[in-house]
């Protein structure tokens, strides 16, 4: 059995701590990001946008998420960059990068195949 202060045990602890430190930086699956993004959309976007496919509600001038996803120029990267920037007419933009990526993943999940 290893001694509590042995180099082998210390090395294993360092590796475990390093793995935990980089774990949040690893990309989440697209499905997981989209599910998180859907929850965020309900919190931040549903006051103005129709966020669900074939959903109702929202503000008449705000585009439906499904329509945004199906624009020819729509991409997760472009949407994420847009969501991260504050905009006058969109009070809930300026979201942190992780949330913006999740929202973009959700919107892009609504794209017609």
C-alpha atoms as a PDB file:
ATOM      1  CA  UNK A   1       0.000   0.000   0.000  1.00  0.00           C
ATOM      2  CA  UNK A   2       1.243   3.489  -0.819  1.00  0.00           C
ATOM      3  CA  UNK A   3       2.338   5.800   1.917  1.00  0.00           C
ATOM      4  CA  UNK A   4       0.109   8.895   2.221  1.00  0.00           C
ATOM      5  CA  UNK A   5       2.969  11.157   1.030  1.00  0.00           C
ATOM      6  CA  UNK A   6       4.487   8.915  -1.613  1.00  0.00           C
ATOM      7  CA  UNK A   7       5.379  10.459  -5.002  1.00  0.00           C
ATOM      8  CA  UNK A   8       3.048   7.994  -6.740  1.00  0.00           C
ATOM      9  CA  UNK A   9       0.057   9.038  -4.643  1.00  0.00           C
ATOM     10  CA  UNK A  10       0.951  12.717  -5.024  1.00  0.00           C
ATOM     11  CA  UNK A  11       1.132  12.293  -8.817  1.00  0.00           C
ATOM     12  CA  UNK A  12      -2.311  10.671  -8.891  1.00  0.00           C
ATOM     13  CA  UNK A  13      -3.766  13.544  -6.876  1.00  0.00           C
ATOM     14  CA  UNK A  14      -2.194  16.135  -9.181  1.00  0.00           C
ATOM     15  CA  UNK A  15      -3.633  14.362 -12.232  1.00  0.00           C
ATOM     16  CA  UNK A  16      -7.092  14.162 -10.640  1.00  0.00           C
ATOM     17  CA  UNK A  17      -7.077  17.860  -9.713  1.00  0.00           C
ATOM     18  CA  UNK A  18      -5.883  18.822 -13.202  1.00  0.00           C
ATOM     19  CA  UNK A  19      -8.641  16.745 -14.797  1.00  0.00           C
ATOM     20  CA  UNK A  20     -11.261  18.459 -12.663  1.00  0.00           C
ATOM     21  CA  UNK A  21      -9.829  21.863 -13.547  1.00  0.00           C
ATOM     22  CA  UNK A  22     -10.189  21.318 -17.312  1.00  0.00           C
ATOM     23  CA  UNK A  23     -13.457  19.379 -17.184  1.00  0.00           C
ATOM     24  CA  UNK A  24     -15.723  22.480 -17.467  1.00  0.00           C
ATOM     25  CA  UNK A  25     -13.758  23.596 -20.516  1.00  0.00           C
ATOM     26  CA  UNK A  26     -14.551  20.400 -22.426  1.00  0.00           C
ATOM     27  CA  UNK A  27     -17.332  20.847 -25.000  1.00  0.00           C
ATOM     28  CA  UNK A  28     -20.731  19.587 -23.970  1.00  0.00           C
ATOM     29  CA  UNK A  29     -22.693  17.473 -26.396  1.00  0.00           C
ATOM     30  CA  UNK A  30     -24.860  19.389 -28.832  1.00  0.00           C
ATOM     31  CA  UNK A  31     -27.957  17.759 -27.374  1.00  0.00           C
ATOM     32  CA  UNK A  32     -27.030  18.786 -23.843  1.00  0.00           C
ATOM     33  CA  UNK A  33     -26.234  22.350 -24.952  1.00  0.00           C
ATOM     34  CA  UNK A  34     -29.547  22.581 -26.810  1.00  0.00           C
ATOM     35  CA  UNK A  35     -31.492  21.340 -23.762  1.00  0.00           C
ATOM     36  CA  UNK A  36     -29.780  23.917 -21.562  1.00  0.00           C
ATOM     37  CA  UNK A  37     -30.358  26.567 -24.221  1.00  0.00           C
ATOM     38  CA  UNK A  38     -34.063  25.769 -24.333  1.00  0.00           C
ATOM     39  CA  UNK A  39     -34.307  26.418 -20.593  1.00  0.00           C
ATOM     40  CA  UNK A  40     -32.382  29.674 -20.946  1.00  0.00           C
ATOM     41  CA  UNK A  41     -34.638  30.716 -23.847  1.00  0.00           C
ATOM     42  CA  UNK A  42     -37.668  30.184 -21.630  1.00  0.00           C
ATOM     43  CA  UNK A  43     -36.102  32.432 -19.003  1.00  0.00           C
ATOM     44  CA  UNK A  44     -34.642  35.179 -21.181  1.00  0.00           C
ATOM     45  CA  UNK A  45     -36.248  35.155 -24.624  1.00  0.00           C
ATOM     46  CA  UNK A  46     -39.853  33.957 -24.399  1.00  0.00           C
ATOM     47  CA  UNK A  47     -41.221  37.358 -23.405  1.00  0.00           C
ATOM     48  CA  UNK A  48     -40.649  38.505 -26.994  1.00  0.00           C
ATOM     49  CA  UNK A  49     -39.794  35.501 -29.195  1.00  0.00           C
ATOM     50  CA  UNK A  50     -41.693  32.333 -29.986  1.00  0.00           C
ATOM     51  CA  UNK A  51     -39.091  29.863 -28.810  1.00  0.00           C
ATOM     52  CA  UNK A  52     -40.779  26.493 -29.431  1.00  0.00           C
ATOM     53  CA  UNK A  53     -41.284  24.991 -32.875  1.00  0.00           C
ATOM     54  CA  UNK A  54     -44.783  25.850 -34.081  1.00  0.00           C
ATOM     55  CA  UNK A  55     -45.304  27.713 -30.806  1.00  0.00           C
ATOM     56  CA  UNK A  56     -47.407  30.752 -30.201  1.00  0.00           C
ATOM     57  CA  UNK A  57     -46.982  33.978 -28.292  1.00  0.00           C
ATOM     58  CA  UNK A  58     -44.116  36.391 -28.361  1.00  0.00           C
ATOM     59  CA  UNK A  59     -44.003  39.917 -29.605  1.00  0.00           C
ATOM     60  CA  UNK A  60     -45.143  40.414 -33.191  1.00  0.00           C
ATOM     61  CA  UNK A  61     -41.912  42.107 -34.354  1.00  0.00           C
ATOM     62  CA  UNK A  62     -39.593  39.520 -32.802  1.00  0.00           C
ATOM     63  CA  UNK A  63     -38.728  36.652 -35.148  1.00  0.00           C
ATOM     64  CA  UNK A  64     -39.538  33.100 -34.156  1.00  0.00           C
ATOM     65  CA  UNK A  65     -36.516  31.026 -33.174  1.00  0.00           C
ATOM     66  CA  UNK A  66     -37.436  28.486 -35.837  1.00  0.00           C
ATOM     67  CA  UNK A  67     -37.348  31.230 -38.487  1.00  0.00           C
ATOM     68  CA  UNK A  68     -33.964  32.457 -37.220  1.00  0.00           C
ATOM     69  CA  UNK A  69     -32.558  28.918 -37.375  1.00  0.00           C
ATOM     70  CA  UNK A  70     -33.693  28.514 -40.974  1.00  0.00           C
ATOM     71  CA  UNK A  71     -32.141  31.699 -42.320  1.00  0.00           C
ATOM     72  CA  UNK A  72     -29.567  30.834 -44.984  1.00  0.00           C
ATOM     73  CA  UNK A  73     -26.808  32.630 -43.062  1.00  0.00           C
ATOM     74  CA  UNK A  74     -27.665  31.212 -39.638  1.00  0.00           C
ATOM     75  CA  UNK A  75     -24.879  29.450 -37.772  1.00  0.00           C
ATOM     76  CA  UNK A  76     -24.226  28.643 -34.145  1.00  0.00           C
ATOM     77  CA  UNK A  77     -21.109  30.826 -34.160  1.00  0.00           C
ATOM     78  CA  UNK A  78     -22.913  33.855 -35.615  1.00  0.00           C
ATOM     79  CA  UNK A  79     -25.845  33.488 -33.237  1.00  0.00           C
ATOM     80  CA  UNK A  80     -23.590  33.089 -30.219  1.00  0.00           C
ATOM     81  CA  UNK A  81     -21.628  36.222 -31.160  1.00  0.00           C
ATOM     82  CA  UNK A  82     -24.886  38.156 -31.617  1.00  0.00           C
ATOM     83  CA  UNK A  83     -26.332  36.970 -28.291  1.00  0.00           C
ATOM     84  CA  UNK A  84     -23.161  38.007 -26.443  1.00  0.00           C
ATOM     85  CA  UNK A  85     -23.515  41.633 -27.578  1.00  0.00           C
ATOM     86  CA  UNK A  86     -25.976  43.998 -25.874  1.00  0.00           C
ATOM     87  CA  UNK A  87     -28.670  45.408 -28.171  1.00  0.00           C
ATOM     88  CA  UNK A  88     -31.124  48.228 -27.560  1.00  0.00           C
ATOM     89  CA  UNK A  89     -34.248  46.293 -28.502  1.00  0.00           C
ATOM     90  CA  UNK A  90     -33.174  43.060 -26.851  1.00  0.00           C
ATOM     91  CA  UNK A  91     -32.782  43.585 -23.133  1.00  0.00           C
ATOM     92  CA  UNK A  92     -31.553  40.054 -22.408  1.00  0.00           C
ATOM     93  CA  UNK A  93     -28.640  40.000 -24.845  1.00  0.00           C
ATOM     94  CA  UNK A  94     -25.148  40.432 -23.556  1.00  0.00           C
ATOM     95  CA  UNK A  95     -25.267  36.890 -22.135  1.00  0.00           C
ATOM     96  CA  UNK A  96     -22.006  35.229 -21.098  1.00  0.00           C
ATOM     97  CA  UNK A  97     -20.302  33.050 -23.716  1.00  0.00           C
ATOM     98  CA  UNK A  98     -21.453  29.724 -22.259  1.00  0.00           C
ATOM     99  CA  UNK A  99     -25.096  30.795 -22.140  1.00  0.00           C
ATOM    100  CA  UNK A 100     -24.841  32.326 -25.620  1.00  0.00           C
ATOM    101  CA  UNK A 101     -23.423  29.044 -26.951  1.00  0.00           C
ATOM    102  CA  UNK A 102     -26.249  27.084 -25.308  1.00  0.00           C
ATOM    103  CA  UNK A 103     -28.914  29.426 -26.695  1.00  0.00           C
ATOM    104  CA  UNK A 104     -27.349  29.241 -30.166  1.00  0.00           C
ATOM    105  CA  UNK A 105     -27.280  25.431 -29.971  1.00  0.00           C
ATOM    106  CA  UNK A 106     -30.976  25.394 -29.098  1.00  0.00           C
ATOM    107  CA  UNK A 107     -31.893  27.771 -31.899  1.00  0.00           C
ATOM    108  CA  UNK A 108     -29.874  25.779 -34.431  1.00  0.00           C
ATOM    109  CA  UNK A 109     -31.542  22.558 -33.234  1.00  0.00           C
ATOM    110  CA  UNK A 110     -34.763  23.984 -34.700  1.00  0.00           C
ATOM    111  CA  UNK A 111     -33.284  24.121 -38.206  1.00  0.00           C
ATOM    112  CA  UNK A 112     -35.169  22.038 -40.759  1.00  0.00           C
ATOM    113  CA  UNK A 113     -33.088  19.130 -41.950  1.00  0.00           C
END
